[in-house]
Amino acid sequence: MDGLAEQLNALTRRVQALEDELAIHRVIVRYGLAVDTGDADRTVAVFTPDGVYDTDVRLMAGRAAVADMVRSTRHQDMVGHCAHQIGPAVVRVDGDRAVALGYSRVYLQSADGIGVYRVSTNRWELERRDGAWLIARRLTRLLGHREATAIFAGGLPDV
């Protein structure tokens, strides 16, 4: 009977790990879809209230700062003309905290057609709060930026 209990516990842990990783990927995708539609409320809903979004062009601390970015004229002018493609990411879960590392691409439609607007490296630090995974910190750097490869250095989860 102990063997069966051990197998059940191991299976439960494996299923939880799969559910956590899937939930984390969905949070990241929800961010992209929300920001592409210019929905500030849905965008900030994937961040912890004290979440930080650190880009190479702007540091946003807290949901209000992220909402301001989404509501900005510059961003709203891109709504309907941009698409965030994020991931896949390599995810490491440690209890109620997780790190996801990967690339993101933003495509932008212009008068000349659709082109790549931005390719970035990303480190997503997430926390499980009240049973839901949320972004506590996102660090993103444009490909070629002097800090871009440092995002991945020393913190690559096992594949």
N, C-alpha and C. Protein backbone atom coordinates (compact mmCIF):
# COMPACT_ATOMS: atom_id res chain seq x y z
N MET A 1 0.82 -1.20 0.00
CA MET A 1 0.00 0.00 0.00
C MET A 1 0.86 1.26 0.00
N ASP A 2 2.02 1.21 0.68
CA ASP A 2 2.90 2.38 0.70
C ASP A 2 3.38 2.74 -0.70
N GLY A 3 3.65 1.73 -1.52
CA GLY A 3 4.09 1.96 -2.89
C GLY A 3 3.04 2.70 -3.69
N LEU A 4 1.78 2.33 -3.52
CA LEU A 4 0.69 3.00 -4.22
C LEU A 4 0.54 4.45 -3.76
N ALA A 5 0.67 4.67 -2.47
CA ALA A 5 0.59 6.03 -1.93
C ALA A 5 1.73 6.89 -2.47
N GLU A 6 2.92 6.30 -2.55
CA GLU A 6 4.07 7.04 -3.09
C GLU A 6 3.86 7.37 -4.56
N GLN A 7 3.33 6.41 -5.32
CA GLN A 7 3.06 6.66 -6.73
C GLN A 7 2.01 7.75 -6.90
N LEU A 8 0.98 7.72 -6.08
CA LEU A 8 -0.07 8.73 -6.14
C LEU A 8 0.49 10.11 -5.79
N ASN A 9 1.32 10.18 -4.77
CA ASN A 9 1.94 11.46 -4.40
C ASN A 9 2.85 11.98 -5.51
N ALA A 10 3.62 11.08 -6.13
CA ALA A 10 4.51 11.49 -7.22
C ALA A 10 3.69 11.98 -8.41
N LEU A 11 2.61 11.29 -8.72
CA LEU A 11 1.75 11.70 -9.82
C LEU A 11 1.09 13.05 -9.52
N THR A 12 0.66 13.24 -8.31
CA THR A 12 0.06 14.51 -7.90
C THR A 12 1.05 15.65 -8.08
N ARG A 13 2.30 15.44 -7.67
CA ARG A 13 3.33 16.48 -7.84
C ARG A 13 3.58 16.78 -9.32
N ARG A 14 3.62 15.73 -10.14
CA ARG A 14 3.86 15.92 -11.58
C ARG A 14 2.70 16.68 -12.22
N VAL A 15 1.49 16.34 -11.88
CA VAL A 15 0.33 17.04 -12.44
C VAL A 15 0.34 18.50 -11.99
N GLN A 16 0.66 18.75 -10.73
CA GLN A 16 0.73 20.13 -10.24
C GLN A 16 1.80 20.92 -11.00
N ALA A 17 2.94 20.31 -11.25
CA ALA A 17 4.01 20.98 -12.00
C ALA A 17 3.55 21.32 -13.41
N LEU A 18 2.85 20.41 -14.05
CA LEU A 18 2.32 20.67 -15.40
C LEU A 18 1.28 21.78 -15.37
N GLU A 19 0.39 21.74 -14.39
CA GLU A 19 -0.63 22.78 -14.28
C GLU A 19 0.00 24.15 -14.01
N ASP A 20 1.03 24.18 -13.16
CA ASP A 20 1.71 25.45 -12.88
C ASP A 20 2.36 26.00 -14.14
N GLU A 21 3.07 25.16 -14.88
CA GLU A 21 3.75 25.65 -16.08
C GLU A 21 2.74 26.13 -17.12
N LEU A 22 1.66 25.40 -17.30
CA LEU A 22 0.63 25.83 -18.24
C LEU A 22 0.02 27.16 -17.81
N ALA A 23 -0.26 27.31 -16.53
CA ALA A 23 -0.83 28.56 -16.03
C ALA A 23 0.13 29.73 -16.25
N ILE A 24 1.41 29.49 -16.07
CA ILE A 24 2.41 30.54 -16.28
C ILE A 24 2.45 30.94 -17.75
N HIS A 25 2.46 29.97 -18.64
CA HIS A 25 2.44 30.29 -20.07
C HIS A 25 1.18 31.09 -20.43
N ARG A 26 0.06 30.73 -19.85
CA ARG A 26 -1.19 31.43 -20.15
C ARG A 26 -1.15 32.87 -19.64
N VAL A 27 -0.55 33.11 -18.49
CA VAL A 27 -0.43 34.48 -17.98
C VAL A 27 0.40 35.32 -18.96
N ILE A 28 1.48 34.77 -19.43
CA ILE A 28 2.34 35.49 -20.37
C ILE A 28 1.60 35.78 -21.67
N VAL A 29 0.87 34.82 -22.18
CA VAL A 29 0.10 35.03 -23.41
C VAL A 29 -1.01 36.05 -23.17
N ARG A 30 -1.68 35.97 -22.01
CA ARG A 30 -2.74 36.95 -21.71
C ARG A 30 -2.18 38.37 -21.68
N TYR A 31 -0.96 38.54 -21.18
CA TYR A 31 -0.33 39.85 -21.22
C TYR A 31 -0.28 40.36 -22.67
N GLY A 32 0.26 39.54 -23.56
CA GLY A 32 0.41 39.95 -24.96
C GLY A 32 -0.91 40.31 -25.62
N LEU A 33 -1.93 39.48 -25.40
CA LEU A 33 -3.23 39.75 -26.01
C LEU A 33 -3.85 41.02 -25.45
N ALA A 34 -3.72 41.23 -24.14
CA ALA A 34 -4.31 42.42 -23.52
C ALA A 34 -3.63 43.70 -24.00
N VAL A 35 -2.30 43.67 -24.07
CA VAL A 35 -1.58 44.87 -24.49
C VAL A 35 -1.82 45.16 -25.97
N ASP A 36 -1.97 44.10 -26.78
CA ASP A 36 -2.24 44.31 -28.20
C ASP A 36 -3.60 44.95 -28.45
N THR A 37 -4.56 44.68 -27.58
CA THR A 37 -5.89 45.27 -27.74
C THR A 37 -6.01 46.60 -27.01
N GLY A 38 -4.95 47.03 -26.34
CA GLY A 38 -4.96 48.31 -25.64
C GLY A 38 -5.78 48.30 -24.37
N ASP A 39 -6.02 47.12 -23.81
CA ASP A 39 -6.85 46.98 -22.62
C ASP A 39 -5.97 47.08 -21.37
N ALA A 40 -5.89 48.26 -20.81
CA ALA A 40 -5.03 48.50 -19.65
C ALA A 40 -5.46 47.67 -18.45
N ASP A 41 -6.76 47.54 -18.23
CA ASP A 41 -7.23 46.79 -17.06
C ASP A 41 -6.84 45.31 -17.14
N ARG A 42 -7.02 44.72 -18.30
CA ARG A 42 -6.64 43.31 -18.46
C ARG A 42 -5.11 43.15 -18.44
N THR A 43 -4.40 44.13 -18.95
CA THR A 43 -2.94 44.07 -18.92
C THR A 43 -2.44 44.06 -17.49
N VAL A 44 -2.91 45.00 -16.69
CA VAL A 44 -2.39 45.08 -15.31
C VAL A 44 -2.90 43.95 -14.44
N ALA A 45 -3.98 43.30 -14.83
CA ALA A 45 -4.53 42.19 -14.03
C ALA A 45 -3.58 41.00 -13.97
N VAL A 46 -2.63 40.89 -14.91
CA VAL A 46 -1.68 39.78 -14.87
C VAL A 46 -0.45 40.10 -14.03
N PHE A 47 -0.36 41.31 -13.51
CA PHE A 47 0.74 41.72 -12.63
C PHE A 47 0.28 41.72 -11.18
N THR A 48 1.21 41.48 -10.27
CA THR A 48 0.93 41.70 -8.86
C THR A 48 0.72 43.20 -8.67
N PRO A 49 0.00 43.63 -7.64
CA PRO A 49 -0.20 45.06 -7.44
C PRO A 49 1.11 45.86 -7.38
N ASP A 50 2.15 45.25 -6.85
CA ASP A 50 3.46 45.91 -6.74
C ASP A 50 4.42 45.46 -7.84
N GLY A 51 3.88 44.87 -8.88
CA GLY A 51 4.70 44.34 -9.96
C GLY A 51 5.54 45.39 -10.65
N VAL A 52 6.67 44.95 -11.18
CA VAL A 52 7.61 45.84 -11.87
C VAL A 52 7.78 45.35 -13.31
N TYR A 53 7.73 46.29 -14.23
CA TYR A 53 7.98 46.01 -15.65
C TYR A 53 9.16 46.87 -16.04
N ASP A 54 10.31 46.24 -16.22
CA ASP A 54 11.58 46.92 -16.47
C ASP A 54 11.98 46.68 -17.91
N THR A 55 11.83 47.70 -18.76
CA THR A 55 12.24 47.60 -20.16
C THR A 55 13.49 48.44 -20.37
N ASP A 56 14.11 48.29 -21.51
CA ASP A 56 15.30 49.09 -21.80
C ASP A 56 14.94 50.55 -22.07
N VAL A 57 13.66 50.86 -22.22
CA VAL A 57 13.26 52.24 -22.50
C VAL A 57 12.45 52.87 -21.37
N ARG A 58 12.01 52.04 -20.40
CA ARG A 58 11.14 52.58 -19.35
C ARG A 58 11.06 51.59 -18.19
N LEU A 59 11.03 52.13 -16.98
CA LEU A 59 10.81 51.32 -15.78
C LEU A 59 9.44 51.66 -15.23
N MET A 60 8.60 50.63 -15.09
CA MET A 60 7.25 50.84 -14.56
C MET A 60 7.12 50.06 -13.27
N ALA A 61 6.82 50.75 -12.19
CA ALA A 61 6.65 50.11 -10.89
C ALA A 61 5.19 50.24 -10.46
N GLY A 62 4.54 49.11 -10.34
CA GLY A 62 3.14 49.08 -9.93
C GLY A 62 2.19 49.06 -11.11
N ARG A 63 0.98 48.61 -10.83
CA ARG A 63 -0.02 48.47 -11.89
C ARG A 63 -0.37 49.81 -12.55
N ALA A 64 -0.40 50.89 -11.78
CA ALA A 64 -0.76 52.19 -12.36
C ALA A 64 0.23 52.61 -13.43
N ALA A 65 1.50 52.37 -13.20
CA ALA A 65 2.52 52.74 -14.19
C ALA A 65 2.38 51.91 -15.47
N VAL A 66 2.06 50.61 -15.32
CA VAL A 66 1.86 49.77 -16.50
C VAL A 66 0.61 50.24 -17.25
N ALA A 67 -0.45 50.55 -16.51
CA ALA A 67 -1.68 51.05 -17.14
C ALA A 67 -1.41 52.35 -17.90
N ASP A 68 -0.61 53.23 -17.33
CA ASP A 68 -0.26 54.49 -18.02
C ASP A 68 0.43 54.22 -19.35
N MET A 69 1.32 53.22 -19.39
CA MET A 69 1.99 52.87 -20.63
C MET A 69 0.99 52.40 -21.68
N VAL A 70 0.06 51.53 -21.26
CA VAL A 70 -0.92 50.99 -22.20
C VAL A 70 -1.85 52.10 -22.70
N ARG A 71 -2.19 53.04 -21.84
CA ARG A 71 -3.11 54.12 -22.20
C ARG A 71 -2.42 55.27 -22.93
N SER A 72 -1.10 55.23 -23.02
CA SER A 72 -0.37 56.33 -23.66
C SER A 72 -0.75 56.44 -25.14
N THR A 73 -0.64 57.64 -25.67
CA THR A 73 -0.96 57.88 -27.08
C THR A 73 -0.08 57.01 -27.97
N ARG A 74 1.19 56.92 -27.65
CA ARG A 74 2.12 56.12 -28.46
C ARG A 74 1.64 54.68 -28.57
N HIS A 75 1.26 54.10 -27.43
CA HIS A 75 0.81 52.71 -27.46
C HIS A 75 -0.56 52.59 -28.13
N GLN A 76 -1.48 53.45 -27.80
CA GLN A 76 -2.82 53.37 -28.37
C GLN A 76 -2.80 53.53 -29.89
N ASP A 77 -1.83 54.28 -30.40
CA ASP A 77 -1.70 54.42 -31.85
C ASP A 77 -1.30 53.10 -32.52
N MET A 78 -0.71 52.18 -31.77
CA MET A 78 -0.31 50.89 -32.32
C MET A 78 -1.41 49.84 -32.22
N VAL A 79 -2.41 50.08 -31.38
CA VAL A 79 -3.48 49.09 -31.16
C VAL A 79 -4.17 48.78 -32.49
N GLY A 80 -4.33 47.51 -32.74
CA GLY A 80 -4.92 47.06 -34.00
C GLY A 80 -3.91 46.89 -35.11
N HIS A 81 -2.67 47.31 -34.83
CA HIS A 81 -1.61 47.21 -35.83
C HIS A 81 -0.39 46.46 -35.30
N CYS A 82 -0.50 45.91 -34.09
CA CYS A 82 0.65 45.21 -33.50
C CYS A 82 0.23 43.84 -32.98
N ALA A 83 1.22 42.97 -32.89
CA ALA A 83 0.98 41.62 -32.35
C ALA A 83 2.21 41.19 -31.56
N HIS A 84 2.00 40.91 -30.28
CA HIS A 84 3.06 40.37 -29.43
C HIS A 84 3.07 38.85 -29.56
N GLN A 85 4.21 38.29 -29.91
CA GLN A 85 4.41 36.85 -29.94
C GLN A 85 5.43 36.56 -28.85
N ILE A 86 4.98 35.91 -27.80
CA ILE A 86 5.83 35.70 -26.63
C ILE A 86 6.00 34.21 -26.38
N GLY A 87 7.26 33.79 -26.30
CA GLY A 87 7.54 32.41 -25.96
C GLY A 87 7.86 31.60 -27.19
N PRO A 88 8.03 30.33 -27.00
CA PRO A 88 7.85 29.64 -25.73
C PRO A 88 8.93 30.05 -24.73
N ALA A 89 8.68 29.75 -23.49
CA ALA A 89 9.62 30.08 -22.42
C ALA A 89 10.04 28.81 -21.70
N VAL A 90 11.22 28.87 -21.11
CA VAL A 90 11.68 27.81 -20.22
C VAL A 90 11.28 28.24 -18.82
N VAL A 91 10.56 27.38 -18.13
CA VAL A 91 9.98 27.74 -16.83
C VAL A 91 10.58 26.88 -15.73
N ARG A 92 10.90 27.53 -14.62
CA ARG A 92 11.33 26.83 -13.41
C ARG A 92 10.40 27.27 -12.28
N VAL A 93 9.72 26.32 -11.67
CA VAL A 93 8.81 26.60 -10.57
C VAL A 93 9.47 26.16 -9.27
N ASP A 94 9.40 27.02 -8.28
CA ASP A 94 9.93 26.70 -6.95
C ASP A 94 8.88 27.14 -5.94
N GLY A 95 7.99 26.22 -5.62
CA GLY A 95 6.91 26.54 -4.68
C GLY A 95 5.94 27.54 -5.29
N ASP A 96 5.82 28.68 -4.64
CA ASP A 96 4.90 29.73 -5.11
C ASP A 96 5.62 30.81 -5.91
N ARG A 97 6.82 30.52 -6.34
CA ARG A 97 7.59 31.45 -7.17
C ARG A 97 8.05 30.71 -8.43
N ALA A 98 8.20 31.46 -9.50
CA ALA A 98 8.65 30.85 -10.75
C ALA A 98 9.42 31.87 -11.56
N VAL A 99 10.28 31.36 -12.43
CA VAL A 99 11.02 32.18 -13.39
C VAL A 99 10.78 31.58 -14.77
N ALA A 100 10.48 32.43 -15.73
CA ALA A 100 10.33 32.01 -17.12
C ALA A 100 11.29 32.85 -17.96
N LEU A 101 12.06 32.20 -18.81
CA LEU A 101 13.02 32.88 -19.67
C LEU A 101 12.69 32.59 -21.12
N GLY A 102 12.77 33.61 -21.96
CA GLY A 102 12.51 33.40 -23.37
C GLY A 102 12.55 34.70 -24.15
N TYR A 103 12.13 34.59 -25.39
CA TYR A 103 12.14 35.72 -26.31
C TYR A 103 10.72 36.24 -26.54
N SER A 104 10.64 37.47 -26.96
CA SER A 104 9.37 38.03 -27.42
C SER A 104 9.63 38.79 -28.71
N ARG A 105 8.62 38.78 -29.55
CA ARG A 105 8.66 39.53 -30.80
C ARG A 105 7.40 40.37 -30.89
N VAL A 106 7.57 41.56 -31.38
CA VAL A 106 6.40 42.41 -31.64
C VAL A 106 6.42 42.74 -33.12
N TYR A 107 5.31 42.45 -33.77
CA TYR A 107 5.13 42.76 -35.18
C TYR A 107 4.28 44.01 -35.27
N LEU A 108 4.59 44.87 -36.22
CA LEU A 108 3.86 46.12 -36.37
C LEU A 108 3.53 46.35 -37.84
N GLN A 109 2.29 46.68 -38.07
CA GLN A 109 1.84 47.01 -39.42
C GLN A 109 2.09 48.50 -39.67
N SER A 110 2.67 48.79 -40.81
CA SER A 110 2.89 50.17 -41.23
C SER A 110 2.40 50.30 -42.67
N ALA A 111 2.60 51.47 -43.24
CA ALA A 111 2.20 51.68 -44.64
C ALA A 111 2.97 50.75 -45.59
N ASP A 112 4.16 50.29 -45.15
CA ASP A 112 4.98 49.41 -45.98
C ASP A 112 4.64 47.93 -45.80
N GLY A 113 3.73 47.61 -44.88
CA GLY A 113 3.37 46.22 -44.62
C GLY A 113 3.62 45.88 -43.16
N ILE A 114 3.72 44.60 -42.89
CA ILE A 114 3.94 44.13 -41.52
C ILE A 114 5.39 43.72 -41.38
N GLY A 115 6.02 44.23 -40.32
CA GLY A 115 7.43 43.91 -40.08
C GLY A 115 7.69 43.68 -38.61
N VAL A 116 8.88 43.18 -38.33
CA VAL A 116 9.29 42.98 -36.95
C VAL A 116 9.64 44.34 -36.36
N TYR A 117 8.97 44.71 -35.31
CA TYR A 117 9.19 45.98 -34.64
C TYR A 117 10.22 45.84 -33.53
N ARG A 118 10.18 44.69 -32.85
CA ARG A 118 11.05 44.51 -31.70
C ARG A 118 11.24 43.02 -31.42
N VAL A 119 12.47 42.61 -31.11
CA VAL A 119 12.77 41.27 -30.62
C VAL A 119 13.55 41.45 -29.32
N SER A 120 13.09 40.79 -28.27
CA SER A 120 13.68 41.02 -26.95
C SER A 120 13.92 39.73 -26.20
N THR A 121 14.86 39.80 -25.25
CA THR A 121 15.04 38.73 -24.28
C THR A 121 14.21 39.10 -23.05
N ASN A 122 13.68 38.08 -22.38
CA ASN A 122 12.78 38.33 -21.26
C ASN A 122 13.04 37.41 -20.09
N ARG A 123 12.95 37.98 -18.92
CA ARG A 123 12.94 37.22 -17.67
C ARG A 123 11.65 37.61 -16.95
N TRP A 124 10.79 36.64 -16.79
CA TRP A 124 9.52 36.82 -16.09
C TRP A 124 9.65 36.19 -14.71
N GLU A 125 9.45 36.95 -13.65
CA GLU A 125 9.43 36.41 -12.30
C GLU A 125 7.98 36.45 -11.86
N LEU A 126 7.48 35.29 -11.48
CA LEU A 126 6.06 35.18 -11.17
C LEU A 126 5.87 34.68 -9.74
N GLU A 127 4.71 35.01 -9.18
CA GLU A 127 4.34 34.55 -7.85
C GLU A 127 2.92 34.03 -7.89
N ARG A 128 2.69 32.98 -7.11
CA ARG A 128 1.33 32.47 -6.96
C ARG A 128 0.71 33.22 -5.78
N ARG A 129 -0.34 33.96 -6.06
CA ARG A 129 -1.05 34.70 -5.02
C ARG A 129 -2.52 34.33 -5.07
N ASP A 130 -3.03 33.92 -3.93
CA ASP A 130 -4.43 33.47 -3.84
C ASP A 130 -4.75 32.44 -4.92
N GLY A 131 -3.81 31.55 -5.17
CA GLY A 131 -4.02 30.46 -6.11
C GLY A 131 -3.79 30.79 -7.57
N ALA A 132 -3.46 32.04 -7.89
CA ALA A 132 -3.27 32.44 -9.29
C ALA A 132 -1.84 32.92 -9.50
N TRP A 133 -1.26 32.55 -10.65
CA TRP A 133 0.08 33.02 -11.01
C TRP A 133 -0.02 34.43 -11.56
N LEU A 134 0.83 35.32 -11.06
CA LEU A 134 0.88 36.72 -11.51
C LEU A 134 2.33 37.11 -11.75
N ILE A 135 2.53 38.10 -12.59
CA ILE A 135 3.87 38.60 -12.89
C ILE A 135 4.29 39.57 -11.79
N ALA A 136 5.36 39.23 -11.10
CA ALA A 136 5.90 40.12 -10.06
C ALA A 136 6.94 41.06 -10.66
N ARG A 137 7.65 40.57 -11.67
CA ARG A 137 8.68 41.38 -12.33
C ARG A 137 8.91 40.84 -13.73
N ARG A 138 8.92 41.75 -14.67
CA ARG A 138 9.31 41.39 -16.04
C ARG A 138 10.49 42.26 -16.41
N LEU A 139 11.57 41.62 -16.80
CA LEU A 139 12.77 42.31 -17.25
C LEU A 139 12.91 41.98 -18.73
N THR A 140 12.93 43.00 -19.57
CA THR A 140 13.04 42.78 -21.01
C THR A 140 14.06 43.74 -21.60
N ARG A 141 14.88 43.20 -22.49
CA ARG A 141 15.89 44.01 -23.17
C ARG A 141 15.88 43.67 -24.65
N LEU A 142 15.95 44.72 -25.44
CA LEU A 142 16.00 44.59 -26.89
C LEU A 142 17.20 43.75 -27.29
N LEU A 143 17.01 42.87 -28.25
CA LEU A 143 18.10 42.07 -28.77
C LEU A 143 19.22 43.01 -29.21
N GLY A 144 20.45 42.72 -28.80
CA GLY A 144 21.58 43.58 -29.12
C GLY A 144 21.89 44.59 -28.02
N HIS A 145 20.97 44.81 -27.10
CA HIS A 145 21.22 45.70 -25.96
C HIS A 145 22.33 45.10 -25.11
N ARG A 146 23.15 45.92 -24.51
CA ARG A 146 24.29 45.43 -23.75
C ARG A 146 23.89 44.52 -22.59
N GLU A 147 22.64 44.61 -22.11
CA GLU A 147 22.17 43.77 -21.01
C GLU A 147 21.33 42.58 -21.47
N ALA A 148 21.13 42.43 -22.78
CA ALA A 148 20.20 41.41 -23.28
C ALA A 148 20.60 39.99 -22.89
N THR A 149 21.85 39.63 -23.09
CA THR A 149 22.25 38.25 -22.78
C THR A 149 22.36 38.01 -21.29
N ALA A 150 22.58 39.06 -20.50
CA ALA A 150 22.67 38.90 -19.04
C ALA A 150 21.36 38.40 -18.46
N ILE A 151 20.26 38.65 -19.14
CA ILE A 151 18.96 38.17 -18.66
C ILE A 151 18.97 36.65 -18.54
N PHE A 152 19.65 35.97 -19.45
CA PHE A 152 19.68 34.52 -19.46
C PHE A 152 20.85 33.95 -18.67
N ALA A 153 21.92 34.69 -18.53
CA ALA A 153 23.15 34.19 -17.91
C ALA A 153 22.92 33.79 -16.45
N GLY A 154 23.37 32.62 -16.11
CA GLY A 154 23.36 32.16 -14.72
C GLY A 154 21.99 31.76 -14.19
N GLY A 155 20.96 31.94 -14.97
CA GLY A 155 19.64 31.62 -14.44
C GLY A 155 18.82 30.72 -15.33
N LEU A 156 19.48 30.01 -16.23
CA LEU A 156 18.73 29.16 -17.14
C LEU A 156 18.20 27.93 -16.42
N PRO A 157 16.88 27.78 -16.38
CA PRO A 157 16.34 26.55 -15.81
C PRO A 157 16.72 25.36 -16.69
N ASP A 158 16.80 24.19 -16.09
CA ASP A 158 17.06 22.98 -16.87
C ASP A 158 15.94 22.76 -17.84
N VAL A 159 16.28 22.28 -19.02
CA VAL A 159 15.27 22.03 -20.06
C VAL A 159 14.74 20.62 -19.89
